[in-house]
Protein backbone atom coordinates (compact mmCIF):
# COMPACT_ATOMS: atom_id res chain seq x y z
CA MET A 1 -96.44 10.15 17.33
CA PRO A 2 -97.02 12.17 20.49
CA PRO A 3 -93.96 14.01 21.93
CA LYS A 4 -93.56 11.73 24.95
CA GLU A 5 -93.56 8.58 22.83
CA GLN A 6 -90.98 10.13 20.47
CA ASP A 7 -88.62 10.87 23.37
CA ALA A 8 -88.95 7.33 24.68
CA ALA A 9 -88.02 5.90 21.23
CA ASP A 10 -84.90 8.09 21.05
CA LEU A 11 -83.77 6.91 24.49
CA ASP A 12 -84.17 3.25 23.45
CA ALA A 13 -82.05 3.86 20.30
CA ASP A 14 -79.24 5.47 22.32
CA ALA A 15 -79.22 2.61 24.77
CA LEU A 16 -79.00 0.12 21.91
CA ASP A 17 -76.03 1.94 20.36
CA SER A 18 -74.16 1.97 23.66
CA LEU A 19 -74.45 -1.78 23.85
CA PHE A 20 -72.81 -2.25 20.41
CA GLU A 21 -70.00 0.20 21.23
CA ASP A 22 -68.73 -2.20 23.92
CA GLU A 23 -68.60 -5.03 21.37
CA VAL A 24 -66.11 -3.31 18.95
CA SER A 25 -63.31 -5.79 17.95
CA TYR A 26 -59.87 -5.48 16.31
CA THR A 27 -58.27 -7.77 13.75
CA CYS A 28 -54.71 -9.17 14.02
CA LEU A 29 -52.70 -8.32 10.90
CA GLY A 30 -50.75 -11.56 11.28
CA CYS A 31 -53.25 -14.34 11.70
CA GLY A 32 -56.55 -12.49 11.20
CA LYS A 33 -57.75 -13.34 14.70
CA SER A 34 -60.41 -11.05 16.18
CA LEU A 35 -59.24 -9.13 19.24
CA PRO A 36 -62.13 -7.96 21.42
CA SER A 37 -60.17 -5.31 23.32
CA LEU A 38 -57.25 -2.91 22.83
CA THR A 39 -55.61 -4.42 25.90
CA LEU A 40 -55.01 -7.56 23.83
CA CYS A 41 -53.44 -5.65 20.95
CA TYR A 42 -49.70 -5.27 20.33
CA PRO A 43 -47.48 -3.31 20.07
CA LYS A 44 -48.58 -1.04 22.88
CA THR A 45 -47.12 2.03 21.18
CA SER A 46 -49.53 1.52 18.27
CA VAL A 47 -52.40 1.02 20.72
CA LYS A 48 -51.69 4.33 22.38
CA LYS A 49 -51.69 6.07 19.02
CA GLU A 50 -54.69 4.04 17.81
CA SER A 51 -52.98 3.43 14.49
CA GLY A 52 -55.08 0.42 13.60
CA GLN A 53 -51.91 -1.67 12.94
CA TYR A 54 -52.43 -4.38 15.57
CA HIS A 55 -51.23 -7.93 16.26
CA CYS A 56 -52.19 -10.55 18.78
CA LYS A 57 -49.56 -11.41 21.39
CA ARG A 58 -48.59 -14.65 19.67
CA CYS A 59 -47.96 -13.00 16.29
CA TYR A 60 -46.21 -10.05 17.97
CA ASP A 61 -43.82 -12.32 19.90
CA LYS A 62 -43.18 -14.36 16.78
CA GLY A 63 -42.37 -11.23 14.83
CA ASN A 64 -40.02 -10.03 17.55
CA LYS A 65 -38.19 -13.34 17.53
CA LEU A 66 -37.71 -13.08 13.77
CA LEU A 67 -36.47 -9.51 14.12
CA ASP A 68 -34.06 -10.54 16.87
CA LEU A 69 -32.81 -13.43 14.74
CA CYS A 70 -32.31 -11.16 11.70
CA GLN A 71 -30.54 -8.57 13.84
CA SER A 72 -28.32 -11.26 15.33
CA GLU A 73 -27.41 -12.54 11.84
CA ILE A 74 -26.66 -8.99 10.70
CA GLU A 75 -24.40 -8.38 13.70
CA THR A 76 -22.70 -11.74 13.15
CA ASP A 77 -22.16 -10.91 9.49
CA LYS A 78 -20.71 -7.52 10.42
CA ASP A 79 -18.36 -9.10 12.96
CA LYS A 80 -17.30 -11.71 10.39
CA LYS A 81 -16.55 -9.07 7.76
CA LYS A 82 -14.67 -6.98 10.30
CA SER A 83 -12.58 -10.01 11.30
CA GLU A 84 -11.87 -10.77 7.63
CA ARG A 85 -10.75 -7.16 7.05
CA VAL A 86 -8.47 -7.27 10.08
CA ALA A 87 -7.01 -10.60 8.95
CA ALA A 88 -6.48 -9.26 5.42
CA ASN A 89 -4.73 -6.16 6.74
CA ASN A 90 -2.53 -8.27 8.99
CA GLN A 91 -1.64 -10.48 6.04
CA LYS A 92 -0.71 -7.43 3.97
CA GLU A 93 1.48 -6.13 6.78
CA LYS A 94 3.21 -9.51 7.05
CA LYS A 95 3.85 -9.60 3.30
CA SER A 96 5.13 -6.04 3.38
CA THR A 97 7.43 -6.86 6.29
CA LYS A 98 8.72 -9.95 4.48
CA ARG A 99 9.33 -7.93 1.33
CA VAL A 100 11.25 -5.28 3.28
CA ASN A 101 13.27 -7.89 5.13
CA LYS A 102 14.20 -9.60 1.87
CA THR A 103 15.51 -6.39 0.37
CA LYS A 104 17.43 -5.26 3.43
CA GLY A 105 21.16 -5.72 3.38
CA LYS A 106 23.71 -4.59 5.92
CA THR A 107 23.13 -1.00 4.81
CA THR A 108 19.58 0.10 5.46
CA VAL A 109 20.21 3.81 4.84
CA TYR A 110 21.82 4.59 1.49
CA ARG A 111 24.52 7.25 1.35
CA LEU A 112 26.48 9.07 -1.31
CA HIS A 113 28.85 6.77 -3.25
CA ASP A 114 27.24 3.58 -1.92
CA ARG A 115 27.35 0.72 -4.37
CA VAL A 116 23.89 -0.70 -5.04
CA LEU A 117 21.90 -2.88 -7.42
CA ALA A 118 19.32 -1.11 -9.55
CA GLN A 119 16.92 -1.79 -12.41
CA TYR A 120 16.96 0.43 -15.46
CA PRO A 121 13.56 1.17 -17.10
CA GLY A 122 12.88 -0.97 -20.14
CA TYR A 123 15.05 -3.89 -19.02
CA GLY A 124 12.39 -5.77 -17.08
CA SER A 125 13.52 -7.52 -13.93
CA THR A 126 17.24 -7.37 -14.77
CA TRP A 127 19.47 -5.91 -12.06
CA PHE A 128 22.66 -3.94 -12.74
CA LYS A 129 25.65 -2.78 -10.72
CA ALA A 130 25.39 0.88 -9.85
CA GLU A 131 26.63 3.62 -7.58
CA ILE A 132 24.84 6.52 -5.90
CA PHE A 133 26.35 9.85 -6.95
CA GLY A 134 23.65 12.27 -5.79
CA ARG A 135 20.56 12.69 -3.66
CA TYR A 136 17.60 15.04 -3.97
CA ARG A 137 14.36 15.15 -1.95
CA GLY A 138 14.77 11.67 -0.56
CA LYS A 139 15.55 10.05 -3.92
CA PHE A 140 18.85 9.02 -5.43
CA ASN A 141 20.78 9.67 -8.63
CA VAL A 142 22.34 6.43 -9.82
CA TYR A 143 25.36 5.81 -12.06
CA TYR A 144 25.47 2.40 -13.78
CA LEU A 145 28.97 0.98 -13.63
CA ASP A 146 28.70 -1.23 -16.72
CA ASP A 147 28.19 1.54 -19.28
CA GLY A 148 28.02 4.89 -17.46
CA THR A 149 24.27 5.37 -17.89
CA VAL A 150 22.72 7.83 -15.43
CA GLN A 151 19.28 7.51 -13.83
CA LYS A 152 17.90 10.20 -11.54
CA ALA A 153 15.24 10.28 -8.79
CA VAL A 154 15.36 6.57 -7.93
CA ALA A 155 13.42 5.64 -4.79
CA ALA A 156 15.21 3.71 -2.04
CA LYS A 157 12.66 0.89 -2.34
CA ASP A 158 13.85 0.29 -5.91
CA LEU A 159 17.45 -0.30 -4.85
CA ARG A 160 19.04 -3.44 -3.46
CA SER A 161 22.11 -4.15 -1.42
CA PRO A 162 25.21 -5.65 -3.12
CA GLU A 163 24.80 -8.50 -0.62
CA LEU A 164 22.19 -9.84 -3.04
CA SER A 165 24.54 -9.78 -6.03
CA GLN A 166 24.82 -13.54 -6.36
CA ALA A 167 21.05 -13.93 -6.28
CA LEU A 168 20.10 -11.01 -8.56
CA LEU A 169 22.93 -10.41 -11.03
CA LYS A 170 23.06 -12.32 -14.31
CA PRO A 171 25.53 -13.85 -14.87
CA LYS A 172 25.96 -14.51 -11.17
CA GLN A 173 28.61 -12.46 -9.40
CA THR A 174 29.76 -12.13 -5.83
CA LYS A 175 29.53 -8.88 -3.90
CA GLU A 176 33.28 -8.29 -4.34
CA TRP A 177 32.67 -5.73 -7.10
CA ALA A 178 31.14 -3.42 -4.49
CA THR A 179 34.10 -3.48 -2.10
CA ARG A 180 36.11 -0.93 -4.12
CA SER A 181 35.11 2.73 -4.05
CA ARG A 182 35.98 5.41 -6.60
CA THR A 183 39.02 6.53 -4.65
CA ASP A 184 40.43 2.99 -4.77
CA PHE A 185 41.09 3.49 -8.49
CA LEU A 186 43.18 6.64 -8.07
CA ASN A 187 46.91 6.69 -8.89
CA HIS A 188 46.98 3.39 -10.73
CA PRO A 189 48.58 3.44 -14.22
CA PHE A 190 46.62 2.35 -17.28
CA LYS A 191 46.61 2.76 -21.02
CA SER A 192 43.53 3.93 -22.93
CA LYS A 193 42.79 4.58 -26.58
CA LYS A 194 40.36 7.29 -25.49
CA ALA A 195 43.12 9.09 -23.60
CA GLY A 196 45.69 8.73 -26.36
CA ALA A 197 49.27 7.54 -26.40
CA GLY A 198 51.18 6.97 -23.21
CA THR A 199 50.43 5.81 -19.71
CA TRP A 200 47.78 7.57 -17.65
CA GLN A 201 46.39 7.54 -14.14
CA ALA A 202 43.37 9.00 -12.40
CA THR A 203 44.60 11.64 -9.99
CA SER A 204 41.32 13.01 -8.57
CA LEU A 205 37.54 12.82 -8.78
CA GLY A 206 35.67 15.04 -11.17
CA LYS A 207 33.31 17.73 -9.90
CA ARG A 208 30.07 19.40 -11.01
CA ASN A 209 29.52 18.55 -14.69
CA HIS A 210 32.26 15.92 -14.45
CA VAL A 211 30.97 14.28 -11.27
CA ASN A 212 31.02 10.82 -12.88
CA LYS A 213 34.50 11.22 -14.35
CA TYR A 214 38.09 11.01 -13.18
CA VAL A 215 40.64 13.73 -13.72
CA CYS A 216 43.40 11.81 -15.52
CA GLU A 217 47.03 12.82 -16.13
CA ARG A 218 49.75 11.31 -18.27
CA VAL A 219 52.61 9.87 -16.25
CA ASP A 220 55.23 9.29 -18.95
CA GLY A 221 55.42 12.69 -20.62
CA ASN A 222 59.20 13.00 -20.15
CA GLY A 223 58.78 16.17 -18.14
CA LYS A 224 56.58 17.78 -20.74
CA TYR A 225 53.30 19.20 -19.35
CA ILE A 226 50.25 17.55 -20.82
CA THR A 227 46.77 18.94 -20.12
CA PRO A 228 44.74 16.62 -17.85
CA ILE A 229 41.65 15.01 -19.34
CA HIS A 230 38.38 13.60 -17.96
CA LEU A 231 37.55 9.95 -18.43
CA GLU A 232 34.34 8.18 -17.44
CA VAL A 233 34.42 6.34 -14.11
CA HIS A 234 33.16 3.08 -15.64
CA HIS A 235 35.86 3.26 -18.35
CA VAL A 236 38.74 3.64 -15.88
CA ARG A 237 37.31 0.98 -13.56
CA ARG A 238 37.02 -1.50 -16.43
CA LEU A 239 40.61 -0.88 -17.61
CA LEU A 240 42.10 -1.25 -14.12
CA SER A 241 39.95 -4.28 -13.29
CA LYS A 242 41.15 -5.93 -16.50
CA ASN A 243 44.77 -5.12 -15.64
CA SER A 244 44.45 -6.58 -12.14
CA SER A 245 42.85 -9.77 -13.39
CA SER A 246 45.43 -10.37 -16.15
């Protein structure tokens, strides 16, 4: 083919290609519809990047509505769970407040020598009469008045006011037992096999290693000096309480 004819053929081929370039189409990933122009493709961010991930406007709007609906449900679910957590916390606070109110007597702050109700480990839910004889680091040392047992480091939340005696003690008792302090049992005569022959009386409170004992002296020694002895607080209380009731 002569040179001039060859050039003419090349020009015709280029013109033909340019015609087909204008007819390039894009396919919607949602419905498969053919989109003749990028201006009809969504989202526009993908169009600018020419990612090839295109949708028609109908499918794009539909997808956005689904996303908005899902997001709305997620937010609603979050709000519901948050409300449930708040309600649960409020319920716990109410229960805690009720529990505290139930256990509160006239004395909200326990002090040394206060009479209280306490539970000794191993005895389940049984409550016993007790007295505070010491305090250390916010906890209390408790002396049980029925048998002289000692329990240390008892938390205030594990103690109850004597006001609840009738409801908690078995057999039921009134709070009268708690009206008498240790000093109320001083200088009252009693007889005790532990002390020995004669009549005795508690003259003072024990100290240090004898903190839960009375210093007791014989009162009928006919002028003869008799060495004082220490007797357990619960023992002297029981003897004098028996004497007063008989």
